[in-house]
């Protein structure tokens, strides 16, 4: 749902320029049980969640500026598209607007009933509409919200756009509710900042989704992230994003979705005082069990010593090929190898889960066990390392003196731009590795980031280096241009191929100009993705609609979904 931001700053988070927000920000809100989008029915005993755009958002000035924009196309299924009514928010603090539509699934499902099929449904909706929208917002019941956040974080591979899940403790139609703030906050964050993660927004805070857990059944501040600080916080004055914490994909692969999980073959067992070895053995001998999350005391302690019956039962399970992961029952903290019990478990093949939540550990193990390309040893190894920022890897503490005479960020950007223009990879790496702040999404006076400059630079290896550092292929400059568009315009065949390999695609606001320029170099524009839509009638006209006379894009589009259907909430 969020428009890709142009720059990141440690002192103040800066969203993308308004010029390239027009007709660009598109957000998907997928809702589960009737929380945010519900209203009392005539008998006042239940909730109806149909027509949420008209009943829940259109009447509220915070969600509707009254401009009545044109409908937006949504891919409903593999063989069906539909144009849905869109709305536009008023101008934000950052002097820009967000345009969105609501898609509603056919059936409602309480979030406590969600399973792997529901997660797959959500992931497929995002995958089908990935190139149509700049970000996605998922409305979901709070009971299993942390599980869904964790599951999607692993299923959505090489994610390059924001996916924000939210919900509420009280429905939006009640006098006192948190739904309005949670929904509007999700739209604002996704509409202004490029945070390519699966996130959870609740009570003015944006969390990494796979770090969250539900900590209250009644308080508005219902979710917490005990072992990881928020990625962003919203105040009355601004949104502050901690850019140094953002997890970014570093593989040169396109966005894709894994649509199978092994949740039915994974269990979670909480150790308690007096638990019998026979009880643990009974769980480990469940038919079809492939993985077990073992919630232990403190820093990873379990009853008995290294030669106890409990340890023998666990060791036998490991020998039978069951992946057992040790995580702590504590709200915060980590499993540590410093304690004898944790070391004993590790010695028989139990994986240390570090500071993962139960939700993250369970869904991660389900995800890894479903991958046909991984052996059991591969699964064990990947459970012990971070693959989506879900755990804090322990490392040696290194002490060093701070650098003297730190160069201003602008000076670093200038040196970096010069090195890119000359194709000097060594100089580029010297600047990016030495600078304490992350520079790849910082913008110059024209809104160009180092990613834009590298896309048209003489050395494709510089672009490759930026991509492996997590540079976003979806950022747009002040004119609304992506790195892919600039590379194609400059006829940079190698850069176009590398960007496409990494998941880049032309933005909808660029299509009109792309068609006009394609006649000069059909081959490079086809490589940029224009060939895939060449036979579709009206694409050129539709692309040109998003441009004003100066060729600048002016707005933002968001796709909002109503109650989830089937088992998708």
Protein backbone atom coordinates (compact mmCIF):
# COMPACT_ATOMS: atom_id res chain seq x y z
CA UNK A 1 0.00 0.00 0.00
CA UNK A 2 2.81 2.37 0.57
CA UNK A 3 4.51 4.45 -2.03
CA UNK A 4 8.21 3.79 -2.15
CA UNK A 5 10.08 6.47 -0.26
CA UNK A 6 13.06 8.19 -1.71
CA UNK A 7 15.27 8.81 1.25
CA UNK A 8 16.09 7.65 4.73
CA UNK A 9 17.53 9.87 7.43
CA UNK A 10 18.71 9.11 10.92
CA UNK A 11 17.60 12.50 12.17
CA UNK A 12 14.18 12.64 10.57
CA UNK A 13 12.35 10.13 8.41
CA UNK A 14 11.62 11.64 5.01
CA UNK A 15 8.95 10.14 2.76
CA UNK A 16 8.95 10.27 -0.98
CA UNK A 17 8.21 13.44 -2.83
CA UNK A 18 4.62 14.29 -3.59
CA UNK A 19 5.31 14.61 -7.31
CA UNK A 20 5.64 10.89 -7.75
CA UNK A 21 2.86 9.83 -5.44
CA UNK A 22 0.04 10.52 -7.84
CA UNK A 23 -1.79 7.43 -9.02
CA UNK A 24 0.95 5.29 -7.52
CA UNK A 25 0.38 4.26 -3.95
CA UNK A 26 -1.89 1.26 -3.89
CA UNK A 27 -2.56 -0.63 -0.75
CA UNK A 28 -4.28 -3.92 -0.09
CA UNK A 29 -6.17 -4.34 3.14
CA UNK A 30 -7.22 -7.90 3.73
CA UNK A 31 -9.46 -8.28 6.71
CA UNK A 32 -10.22 -11.21 8.87
CA UNK A 33 -12.85 -11.34 11.53
CA UNK A 34 -15.17 -8.32 11.61
CA UNK A 35 -13.09 -6.00 13.75
CA UNK A 36 -12.13 -2.87 11.93
CA UNK A 37 -14.73 -3.18 9.23
CA UNK A 38 -17.77 -4.24 11.23
CA UNK A 39 -21.02 -2.56 12.15
CA UNK A 40 -24.01 -3.51 14.29
CA UNK A 41 -26.84 -5.22 12.48
CA UNK A 42 -30.51 -4.44 13.09
CA UNK A 43 -30.78 -6.77 16.07
CA UNK A 44 -27.66 -5.24 17.69
CA UNK A 45 -26.33 -8.70 18.48
CA UNK A 46 -23.89 -9.25 15.65
CA UNK A 47 -21.71 -7.51 13.14
CA UNK A 48 -22.04 -7.07 9.42
CA UNK A 49 -18.82 -6.38 7.58
CA UNK A 50 -20.00 -5.97 4.02
CA UNK A 51 -19.54 -2.69 2.21
CA UNK A 52 -16.80 -1.47 4.51
CA UNK A 53 -15.54 1.16 2.07
CA UNK A 54 -18.96 2.81 1.88
CA UNK A 55 -20.01 2.32 5.51
CA UNK A 56 -16.73 2.42 7.40
CA UNK A 57 -14.35 4.66 5.47
CA UNK A 58 -16.18 6.94 3.03
CA UNK A 59 -18.16 8.80 5.77
CA UNK A 60 -14.98 9.55 7.75
CA UNK A 61 -13.05 12.67 6.65
CA UNK A 62 -9.75 11.10 7.71
CA UNK A 63 -10.20 8.47 5.01
CA UNK A 64 -12.00 10.45 2.31
CA UNK A 65 -11.25 13.87 0.84
CA UNK A 66 -14.45 13.77 -1.22
CA UNK A 67 -12.66 13.85 -4.58
CA UNK A 68 -14.30 10.61 -5.79
CA UNK A 69 -11.36 9.29 -7.87
CA UNK A 70 -11.71 6.71 -10.63
CA UNK A 71 -11.98 2.98 -9.81
CA UNK A 72 -8.85 0.86 -9.59
CA UNK A 73 -8.33 -2.54 -11.13
CA UNK A 74 -7.85 -5.49 -8.78
CA UNK A 75 -6.95 -9.06 -9.74
CA UNK A 76 -9.60 -11.06 -7.91
CA UNK A 77 -8.35 -14.48 -9.04
CA UNK A 78 -6.08 -15.93 -11.70
CA UNK A 79 -8.73 -15.49 -14.39
CA UNK A 80 -10.79 -12.56 -13.14
CA UNK A 81 -10.19 -8.83 -12.73
CA UNK A 82 -12.50 -6.18 -11.40
CA UNK A 83 -12.54 -2.38 -11.14
CA UNK A 84 -13.33 -1.31 -7.58
CA UNK A 85 -14.31 2.07 -6.19
CA UNK A 86 -11.38 4.00 -4.76
CA UNK A 87 -11.06 6.77 -2.19
CA UNK A 88 -8.33 9.28 -1.45
CA UNK A 89 -7.21 10.55 1.94
CA UNK A 90 -6.79 14.25 2.72
CA UNK A 91 -3.31 15.74 2.44
CA UNK A 92 -1.02 14.35 5.12
CA UNK A 93 1.58 16.06 7.30
CA UNK A 94 4.04 15.30 4.53
CA UNK A 95 1.87 17.14 1.97
CA UNK A 96 0.75 14.08 0.06
CA UNK A 97 -2.32 11.89 -0.31
CA UNK A 98 -3.03 8.16 -0.35
CA UNK A 99 -5.43 6.54 -2.77
CA UNK A 100 -6.93 3.15 -1.93
CA UNK A 101 -9.67 0.66 -2.68
CA UNK A 102 -11.27 -2.04 -0.54
CA UNK A 103 -11.51 -5.65 -1.63
CA UNK A 104 -13.85 -7.84 0.41
CA UNK A 105 -13.71 -11.62 0.52
CA UNK A 106 -16.90 -13.60 0.28
CA UNK A 107 -16.87 -15.38 3.64
CA UNK A 108 -15.93 -14.33 7.14
CA UNK A 109 -13.69 -16.36 9.41
CA UNK A 110 -12.81 -15.73 13.04
CA UNK A 111 -9.05 -15.28 13.26
CA UNK A 112 -8.82 -17.99 15.94
CA UNK A 113 -9.80 -20.46 13.22
CA UNK A 114 -7.12 -19.56 10.72
CA UNK A 115 -4.71 -22.22 9.49
CA UNK A 116 -2.06 -22.64 6.81
CA UNK A 117 -4.68 -22.46 4.06
CA UNK A 118 -5.71 -19.02 5.27
CA UNK A 119 -2.12 -17.81 5.21
CA UNK A 120 -1.71 -19.18 1.70
CA UNK A 121 -4.85 -17.32 0.57
CA UNK A 122 -3.49 -14.04 1.89
CA UNK A 123 -0.09 -14.62 0.30
CA UNK A 124 -1.64 -15.45 -3.08
CA UNK A 125 -3.72 -12.27 -3.06
CA UNK A 126 -0.56 -10.23 -2.49
CA UNK A 127 1.32 -12.17 -5.16
CA UNK A 128 -1.38 -11.69 -7.81
CA UNK A 129 -1.56 -7.94 -7.20
CA UNK A 130 2.11 -7.33 -6.44
CA UNK A 131 2.83 -5.30 -9.57
CA UNK A 132 -0.41 -3.33 -9.38
CA UNK A 133 0.08 -1.87 -5.91
CA UNK A 134 2.93 -0.25 -4.04
CA UNK A 135 2.14 -1.83 -0.68
CA UNK A 136 -0.42 -3.99 1.08
CA UNK A 137 -2.36 -3.66 4.31
CA UNK A 138 -4.01 -6.71 5.83
CA UNK A 139 -6.88 -6.32 8.31
CA UNK A 140 -6.93 -9.27 10.66
CA UNK A 141 -8.41 -10.40 13.95
CA UNK A 142 -6.05 -10.00 16.87
CA UNK A 143 -6.22 -13.54 18.29
CA UNK A 144 -3.83 -15.05 15.73
CA UNK A 145 -2.45 -11.84 14.25
CA UNK A 146 1.13 -12.47 15.44
CA UNK A 147 1.07 -15.98 13.94
CA UNK A 148 -0.09 -14.64 10.58
CA UNK A 149 2.57 -11.91 10.62
CA UNK A 150 5.26 -14.50 11.28
CA UNK A 151 3.97 -16.94 8.68
CA UNK A 152 3.74 -14.30 5.93
CA UNK A 153 7.23 -13.01 6.73
CA UNK A 154 8.65 -16.39 5.70
CA UNK A 155 6.21 -17.19 2.87
CA UNK A 156 6.74 -13.87 1.05
CA UNK A 157 10.22 -14.41 -0.32
CA UNK A 158 12.39 -11.53 -1.60
CA UNK A 159 9.72 -9.05 -0.55
CA UNK A 160 10.44 -5.57 -1.86
CA UNK A 161 7.31 -3.68 -0.76
CA UNK A 162 5.60 -3.00 2.58
CA UNK A 163 3.06 -5.50 3.88
CA UNK A 164 1.42 -4.18 7.04
CA UNK A 165 -1.04 -6.15 9.16
CA UNK A 166 -3.30 -4.49 11.68
CA UNK A 167 -6.51 -5.02 13.62
CA UNK A 168 -8.26 -3.56 16.62
CA UNK A 169 -9.49 -4.36 20.09
CA UNK A 170 -12.77 -2.50 19.48
CA UNK A 171 -14.68 -2.20 16.16
CA UNK A 172 -14.52 1.03 14.21
CA UNK A 173 -18.26 1.58 14.63
CA UNK A 174 -18.08 1.70 18.41
CA UNK A 175 -17.79 5.12 20.08
CA UNK A 176 -14.50 4.28 21.79
CA UNK A 177 -12.32 2.31 19.44
CA UNK A 178 -8.74 1.88 18.35
CA UNK A 179 -9.64 0.75 14.84
CA UNK A 180 -9.53 4.22 13.28
CA UNK A 181 -6.03 5.01 14.55
CA UNK A 182 -4.68 1.57 13.69
CA UNK A 183 -6.08 1.59 10.16
CA UNK A 184 -5.16 5.19 9.41
CA UNK A 185 -1.70 4.71 10.90
CA UNK A 186 -1.12 1.66 8.72
CA UNK A 187 -2.14 3.59 5.61
CA UNK A 188 0.08 6.54 6.51
CA UNK A 189 3.17 4.44 7.14
CA UNK A 190 2.67 2.30 4.06
CA UNK A 191 1.79 5.34 1.99
CA UNK A 192 4.93 7.28 2.77
CA UNK A 193 7.82 4.97 3.65
CA UNK A 194 9.51 2.11 1.84
CA UNK A 195 9.76 -0.54 4.53
CA UNK A 196 9.98 -3.85 2.61
CA UNK A 197 8.96 -6.10 5.50
CA UNK A 198 5.92 -7.88 6.84
CA UNK A 199 5.01 -5.57 9.71
CA UNK A 200 2.38 -5.26 12.41
CA UNK A 201 1.00 -1.80 13.21
CA UNK A 202 -0.78 -1.32 16.51
CA UNK A 203 -1.22 1.55 18.96
CA UNK A 204 0.96 4.04 17.08
CA UNK A 205 3.87 1.62 16.65
CA UNK A 206 5.14 -0.37 13.70
CA UNK A 207 6.77 -3.67 14.62
CA UNK A 208 8.60 -6.32 12.62
CA UNK A 209 5.82 -8.88 12.28
CA UNK A 210 7.82 -11.97 13.22
CA UNK A 211 8.98 -10.30 16.45
CA UNK A 212 5.53 -9.66 17.87
CA UNK A 213 3.27 -11.41 20.33
CA UNK A 214 -0.13 -10.54 21.74
CA UNK A 215 0.45 -9.32 25.29
CA UNK A 216 -3.02 -8.13 26.32
CA UNK A 217 -6.52 -9.37 25.62
CA UNK A 218 -8.21 -6.06 26.48
CA UNK A 219 -5.77 -3.12 26.42
CA UNK A 220 -5.49 -1.01 23.30
CA UNK A 221 -1.74 -1.55 23.49
CA UNK A 222 -2.32 -5.22 22.75
CA UNK A 223 0.92 -6.22 21.01
CA UNK A 224 4.54 -6.01 21.99
CA UNK A 225 7.92 -6.85 20.54
CA UNK A 226 9.92 -7.89 23.60
CA UNK A 227 13.27 -8.53 21.94
CA UNK A 228 13.29 -5.95 19.16
CA UNK A 229 12.49 -2.21 19.18
CA UNK A 230 9.72 -0.81 16.97
CA UNK A 231 10.61 -0.07 13.36
CA UNK A 232 8.62 3.15 13.48
CA UNK A 233 6.51 5.23 15.83
CA UNK A 234 3.84 7.80 15.04
CA UNK A 235 3.45 10.96 17.09
CA UNK A 236 1.30 14.07 16.67
CA UNK A 237 4.15 15.74 14.79
CA UNK A 238 5.68 13.10 12.53
CA UNK A 239 6.46 9.47 11.86
CA UNK A 240 9.91 8.45 13.00
CA UNK A 241 11.37 5.44 11.19
CA UNK A 242 14.44 3.72 12.58
CA UNK A 243 16.00 3.01 9.20
CA UNK A 244 18.98 1.18 10.66
CA UNK A 245 16.64 -1.59 11.86
CA UNK A 246 14.86 -2.20 8.54
CA UNK A 247 15.39 -5.67 7.08
CA UNK A 248 15.96 -5.65 3.34
CA UNK A 249 16.26 -8.49 0.82
CA UNK A 250 19.84 -9.01 -0.33
CA UNK A 251 19.34 -11.79 -2.89
CA UNK A 252 19.13 -11.09 -6.60
CA UNK A 253 15.80 -12.83 -7.02
CA UNK A 254 12.28 -11.73 -7.85
CA UNK A 255 9.44 -11.69 -5.35
CA UNK A 256 7.78 -15.08 -5.00
CA UNK A 257 5.58 -16.95 -2.57
CA UNK A 258 5.94 -20.35 -0.94
CA UNK A 259 2.43 -21.75 -0.78
CA UNK A 260 2.92 -24.87 1.30
CA UNK A 261 3.54 -25.10 5.05
CA UNK A 262 3.97 -28.07 7.37
CA UNK A 263 1.85 -26.74 10.23
CA UNK A 264 0.04 -30.06 10.66
CA UNK A 265 3.36 -31.80 11.30
CA UNK A 266 4.77 -29.34 13.85
CA UNK A 267 3.87 -29.05 17.53
CA UNK A 268 4.66 -26.72 20.43
CA UNK A 269 5.23 -28.08 23.95
CA UNK A 270 5.63 -25.98 27.08
CA UNK A 271 7.82 -27.51 29.77
CA UNK A 272 6.44 -27.28 33.32
CA UNK A 273 7.63 -28.42 36.76
CA UNK A 274 6.94 -32.13 37.19
CA UNK A 275 6.46 -32.91 33.51
CA UNK A 276 7.07 -36.60 32.89
CA UNK A 277 9.42 -37.95 30.23
CA UNK A 278 6.53 -40.13 29.04
CA UNK A 279 4.53 -37.00 28.25
CA UNK A 280 7.30 -35.59 26.09
CA UNK A 281 7.81 -38.98 24.47
CA UNK A 282 4.08 -39.17 23.71
CA UNK A 283 4.25 -35.89 21.81
CA UNK A 284 7.42 -36.87 19.96
CA UNK A 285 5.74 -40.09 18.81
CA UNK A 286 2.69 -38.38 17.33
CA UNK A 287 2.00 -39.79 13.88
CA UNK A 288 3.63 -37.60 11.21
CA UNK A 289 5.39 -35.24 13.61
CA UNK A 290 8.44 -33.63 11.97
CA UNK A 291 9.20 -30.71 14.25
CA UNK A 292 8.73 -29.64 17.87
CA UNK A 293 9.08 -26.20 19.49
CA UNK A 294 10.14 -26.83 23.08
CA UNK A 295 9.37 -23.91 25.40
CA UNK A 296 11.83 -24.23 28.28
CA UNK A 297 12.52 -22.40 31.53
CA UNK A 298 14.58 -19.21 31.66
CA UNK A 299 17.58 -19.25 29.34
CA UNK A 300 16.81 -22.71 27.95
CA UNK A 301 16.64 -24.98 30.97
CA UNK A 302 14.76 -28.30 31.05
CA UNK A 303 14.23 -30.79 33.92
CA UNK A 304 16.91 -33.44 34.58
CA UNK A 305 20.57 -33.61 33.71
CA UNK A 306 22.56 -34.82 30.76
CA UNK A 307 21.97 -38.49 31.65
CA UNK A 308 18.31 -38.17 32.67
CA UNK A 309 15.41 -40.06 31.14
CA UNK A 310 14.04 -36.76 29.81
CA UNK A 311 17.25 -36.13 27.88
CA UNK A 312 17.22 -39.68 26.47
CA UNK A 313 13.65 -39.19 25.22
CA UNK A 314 14.59 -35.94 23.50
CA UNK A 315 17.77 -37.46 22.03
CA UNK A 316 15.76 -40.38 20.61
CA UNK A 317 13.40 -37.93 18.94
CA UNK A 318 16.30 -36.11 17.31
CA UNK A 319 17.74 -39.43 16.07
CA UNK A 320 14.40 -40.22 14.41
CA UNK A 321 14.75 -37.04 12.35
CA UNK A 322 12.50 -34.73 14.37
CA UNK A 323 13.74 -31.13 14.45
CA UNK A 324 13.47 -29.87 18.04
CA UNK A 325 13.96 -26.17 18.73
CA UNK A 326 14.62 -24.75 22.19
CA UNK A 327 13.06 -21.34 22.97
CA UNK A 328 12.41 -19.61 26.26
CA UNK A 329 9.02 -19.30 27.96
CA UNK A 330 9.98 -15.81 29.13
CA UNK A 331 8.45 -12.78 27.48
CA UNK A 332 11.90 -11.36 26.77
CA UNK A 333 15.40 -12.75 26.70
CA UNK A 334 17.14 -15.53 24.82
CA UNK A 335 18.14 -19.17 25.08
CA UNK A 336 21.77 -19.12 26.11
CA UNK A 337 24.40 -21.88 25.75
CA UNK A 338 25.97 -20.64 28.98
CA UNK A 339 23.61 -22.73 31.11
CA UNK A 340 24.35 -26.43 31.56
CA UNK A 341 20.81 -27.57 30.76
CA UNK A 342 20.70 -25.64 27.50
CA UNK A 343 24.13 -27.00 26.59
CA UNK A 344 22.94 -30.53 27.36
CA UNK A 345 19.96 -30.10 25.05
CA UNK A 346 22.24 -28.74 22.35
CA UNK A 347 24.61 -31.68 22.73
CA UNK A 348 21.86 -34.14 21.73
CA UNK A 349 20.92 -32.14 18.63
CA UNK A 350 18.32 -29.67 19.94
CA UNK A 351 18.52 -26.35 18.05
CA UNK A 352 18.96 -23.16 20.07
CA UNK A 353 16.13 -20.83 19.02
CA UNK A 354 17.78 -17.74 20.55
CA UNK A 355 15.14 -15.03 21.18
CA UNK A 356 12.45 -16.12 18.71
CA UNK A 357 8.83 -15.86 19.80
CA UNK A 358 6.74 -19.02 19.86
CA UNK A 359 4.81 -17.68 16.88
CA UNK A 360 7.94 -17.09 14.84
CA UNK A 361 9.56 -20.40 15.78
CA UNK A 362 6.46 -22.42 14.91
CA UNK A 363 5.80 -20.78 11.55
CA UNK A 364 9.49 -20.69 10.58
CA UNK A 365 9.87 -24.41 11.25
CA UNK A 366 6.69 -25.10 9.28
CA UNK A 367 8.07 -23.05 6.39
CA UNK A 368 11.50 -24.70 6.35
CA UNK A 369 10.17 -28.27 6.66
CA UNK A 370 7.96 -27.67 3.63
CA UNK A 371 10.91 -26.71 1.42
CA UNK A 372 11.89 -29.64 -0.75
CA UNK A 373 15.38 -28.24 -1.35
CA UNK A 374 16.40 -28.48 2.33
CA UNK A 375 17.68 -31.53 4.19
CA UNK A 376 17.00 -32.02 7.90
CA UNK A 377 20.46 -30.70 8.65
CA UNK A 378 19.75 -27.65 6.49
CA UNK A 379 16.54 -27.03 8.41
CA UNK A 380 18.33 -27.28 11.75
CA UNK A 381 20.99 -24.86 10.61
CA UNK A 382 18.54 -22.29 9.27
CA UNK A 383 16.47 -22.49 12.46
CA UNK A 384 19.52 -21.26 14.35
CA UNK A 385 20.18 -18.23 12.14
CA UNK A 386 18.19 -15.19 11.07
CA UNK A 387 16.57 -15.45 7.64
CA UNK A 388 13.95 -12.65 7.99
CA UNK A 389 15.19 -10.75 11.02
CA UNK A 390 13.23 -13.05 13.35
CA UNK A 391 16.04 -13.63 15.84
CA UNK A 392 19.12 -11.90 17.21
CA UNK A 393 22.20 -13.84 16.29
CA UNK A 394 24.76 -13.90 19.08
CA UNK A 395 28.20 -12.63 18.20
CA UNK A 396 31.38 -11.59 19.90
CA UNK A 397 31.46 -8.15 21.46
CA UNK A 398 33.97 -5.91 19.73
CA UNK A 399 35.19 -2.71 21.36
CA UNK A 400 36.60 0.10 19.27
CA UNK A 401 36.98 3.84 19.46
CA UNK A 402 34.51 5.97 17.49
CA UNK A 403 35.80 7.53 14.31
CA UNK A 404 37.05 11.09 14.48
CA UNK A 405 35.99 13.82 12.06
CA UNK A 406 32.94 12.02 10.66
CA UNK A 407 32.04 13.41 7.24
CA UNK A 408 28.57 14.89 6.80
CA UNK A 409 26.13 12.62 5.04
CA UNK A 410 25.84 14.97 2.10
CA UNK A 411 29.57 14.81 1.55
CA UNK A 412 29.42 11.03 1.62
CA UNK A 413 26.61 11.03 -0.93
CA UNK A 414 28.61 13.35 -3.17
CA UNK A 415 31.67 11.10 -3.02
CA UNK A 416 29.48 8.09 -3.65
CA UNK A 417 27.80 9.68 -6.67
CA UNK A 418 31.17 10.58 -8.19
CA UNK A 419 32.48 7.05 -7.66
CA UNK A 420 29.33 5.62 -9.31
CA UNK A 421 29.66 7.94 -12.29
CA UNK A 422 33.25 6.82 -12.88
CA UNK A 423 32.44 3.15 -12.39
CA UNK A 424 34.92 2.82 -9.52
CA UNK A 425 33.57 -0.16 -7.55
CA UNK A 426 36.39 -0.06 -5.01
CA UNK A 427 35.74 3.60 -4.22
CA UNK A 428 32.01 2.94 -3.97
CA UNK A 429 32.56 0.14 -1.47
CA UNK A 430 34.95 2.29 0.51
CA UNK A 431 32.27 4.96 0.95
CA UNK A 432 29.35 2.64 1.71
CA UNK A 433 31.31 0.46 4.14
CA UNK A 434 32.87 3.39 5.97
CA UNK A 435 29.71 5.49 6.38
CA UNK A 436 27.87 4.76 9.64
CA UNK A 437 24.47 5.62 8.12
CA UNK A 438 22.87 3.55 5.38
CA UNK A 439 23.14 5.63 2.20
CA UNK A 440 21.47 3.62 -0.55
CA UNK A 441 18.02 5.16 -0.10
CA UNK A 442 19.22 8.72 0.53
CA UNK A 443 18.26 11.17 -2.21
CA UNK A 444 20.05 14.05 -3.90
CA UNK A 445 18.48 17.36 -4.92
CA UNK A 446 16.58 15.69 -7.78
CA UNK A 447 15.36 12.77 -5.70
CA UNK A 448 17.80 10.30 -7.23
CA UNK A 449 19.20 7.70 -4.86
CA UNK A 450 22.46 5.78 -5.37
CA UNK A 451 20.26 3.02 -6.80
CA UNK A 452 19.06 5.38 -9.55
CA UNK A 453 22.60 6.51 -10.30
CA UNK A 454 23.95 2.96 -10.42
CA UNK A 455 21.15 1.93 -12.80
CA UNK A 456 22.57 4.29 -15.41
CA UNK A 457 26.22 4.09 -14.38
CA UNK A 458 28.98 2.49 -16.46
CA UNK A 459 29.68 -0.42 -14.08
CA UNK A 460 26.87 -2.94 -13.57
CA UNK A 461 28.83 -4.51 -10.70
CA UNK A 462 28.16 -1.40 -8.61
CA UNK A 463 24.43 -1.96 -9.07
CA UNK A 464 24.89 -5.62 -8.15
CA UNK A 465 26.76 -4.58 -4.99
CA UNK A 466 23.93 -2.23 -3.97
CA UNK A 467 21.32 -4.93 -4.54
CA UNK A 468 23.20 -7.39 -2.35
CA UNK A 469 23.22 -4.72 0.38
CA UNK A 470 19.44 -4.46 0.26
CA UNK A 471 18.94 -1.56 -2.13
CA UNK A 472 15.29 -1.25 -3.22
CA UNK A 473 14.37 -1.58 -6.89
CA UNK A 474 11.02 0.12 -6.25
CA UNK A 475 12.21 3.58 -5.14
CA UNK A 476 11.20 6.48 -7.38
CA UNK A 477 12.82 9.86 -7.80
CA UNK A 478 11.10 13.23 -7.78
CA UNK A 479 9.94 12.71 -11.36
CA UNK A 480 8.37 9.39 -10.40
CA UNK A 481 10.99 7.24 -12.16
CA UNK A 482 12.25 3.89 -10.94
CA UNK A 483 15.83 2.68 -11.49
CA UNK A 484 14.48 0.25 -14.11
CA UNK A 485 12.87 3.04 -16.13
CA UNK A 486 16.08 5.09 -16.07
CA UNK A 487 18.18 2.09 -17.08
CA UNK A 488 15.88 1.26 -19.99
CA UNK A 489 15.77 4.91 -21.10
CA UNK A 490 19.57 4.95 -21.14
CA UNK A 491 19.71 1.67 -23.07
CA UNK A 492 21.63 -0.08 -20.29
CA UNK A 493 20.87 -3.70 -21.22
CA UNK A 494 22.93 -5.32 -18.46
CA UNK A 495 21.48 -3.07 -15.77
CA UNK A 496 17.95 -3.76 -17.00
CA UNK A 497 18.54 -7.52 -16.88
CA UNK A 498 19.97 -7.34 -13.35
CA UNK A 499 17.13 -5.18 -12.07
CA UNK A 500 14.54 -7.50 -13.57
CA UNK A 501 16.32 -10.47 -12.03
CA UNK A 502 16.01 -8.73 -8.67
CA UNK A 503 12.23 -8.17 -9.00
CA UNK A 504 12.04 -4.72 -10.57
CA UNK A 505 9.05 -3.80 -12.70
CA UNK A 506 7.86 -0.65 -14.42
CA UNK A 507 5.47 1.38 -12.30
CA UNK A 508 1.99 1.99 -13.65
CA UNK A 509 2.69 5.73 -13.85
CA UNK A 510 5.69 5.03 -16.12
CA UNK A 511 3.89 2.97 -18.74
CA UNK A 512 2.77 5.90 -20.90
CA UNK A 513 6.29 7.28 -21.24
CA UNK A 514 7.70 3.79 -21.65
CA UNK A 515 5.45 3.13 -24.64
CA UNK A 516 6.48 6.43 -26.23
CA UNK A 517 10.18 5.63 -25.82
CA UNK A 518 10.00 1.95 -26.72
CA UNK A 519 10.02 2.58 -30.46
CA UNK A 520 13.61 3.81 -30.19
CA UNK A 521 14.87 0.63 -28.53
CA UNK A 522 12.27 -2.13 -28.56
CA UNK A 523 14.67 -4.79 -27.31
CA UNK A 524 15.70 -3.06 -24.11
CA UNK A 525 12.14 -1.98 -23.25
CA UNK A 526 10.87 -5.51 -23.85
CA UNK A 527 13.58 -6.72 -21.47
CA UNK A 528 12.30 -4.17 -18.96
CA UNK A 529 8.91 -5.89 -19.01
CA UNK A 530 6.99 -3.99 -21.67
CA UNK A 531 6.68 -7.09 -23.84
CA UNK A 532 4.45 -8.77 -21.27
CA UNK A 533 1.75 -6.14 -21.73
CA UNK A 534 2.36 -5.20 -25.36
CA UNK A 535 -0.75 -7.01 -26.60
CA UNK A 536 -3.09 -5.61 -23.95
CA UNK A 537 -5.35 -2.96 -25.42
CA UNK A 538 -5.46 0.38 -23.73
CA UNK A 539 -2.30 0.00 -21.71
CA UNK A 540 -0.72 3.04 -23.27
CA UNK A 541 -3.77 5.19 -22.67
CA UNK A 542 -4.07 3.96 -19.11
CA UNK A 543 -0.41 4.66 -18.47
CA UNK A 544 -0.73 8.18 -19.86
CA UNK A 545 -3.70 8.93 -17.62
CA UNK A 546 -1.42 9.01 -14.63
CA UNK A 547 0.75 11.79 -16.07
CA UNK A 548 0.10 15.49 -16.16
CA UNK A 549 1.38 17.78 -18.89
CA UNK A 550 4.86 17.87 -17.40
CA UNK A 551 5.08 14.10 -17.14
CA UNK A 552 5.12 14.12 -13.34
CA UNK A 553 2.99 11.74 -11.32
CA UNK A 554 0.78 13.35 -8.73
CA UNK A 555 -1.04 10.91 -6.53
CA UNK A 556 -1.14 7.75 -4.50
CA UNK A 557 -3.33 4.66 -4.76
CA UNK A 558 -4.10 2.11 -2.06
CA UNK A 559 -6.07 -1.09 -2.19
CA UNK A 560 -8.06 -1.85 0.92
CA UNK A 561 -9.76 -5.18 1.44
CA UNK A 562 -12.80 -5.92 3.50
CA UNK A 563 -13.57 -9.05 5.51
CA UNK A 564 -11.50 -12.05 4.64
CA UNK A 565 -13.07 -14.87 2.76
CA UNK A 566 -12.91 -18.58 3.25
CA UNK A 567 -10.01 -19.27 5.56
CA UNK A 568 -8.00 -16.21 4.70
CA UNK A 569 -8.34 -14.18 7.87
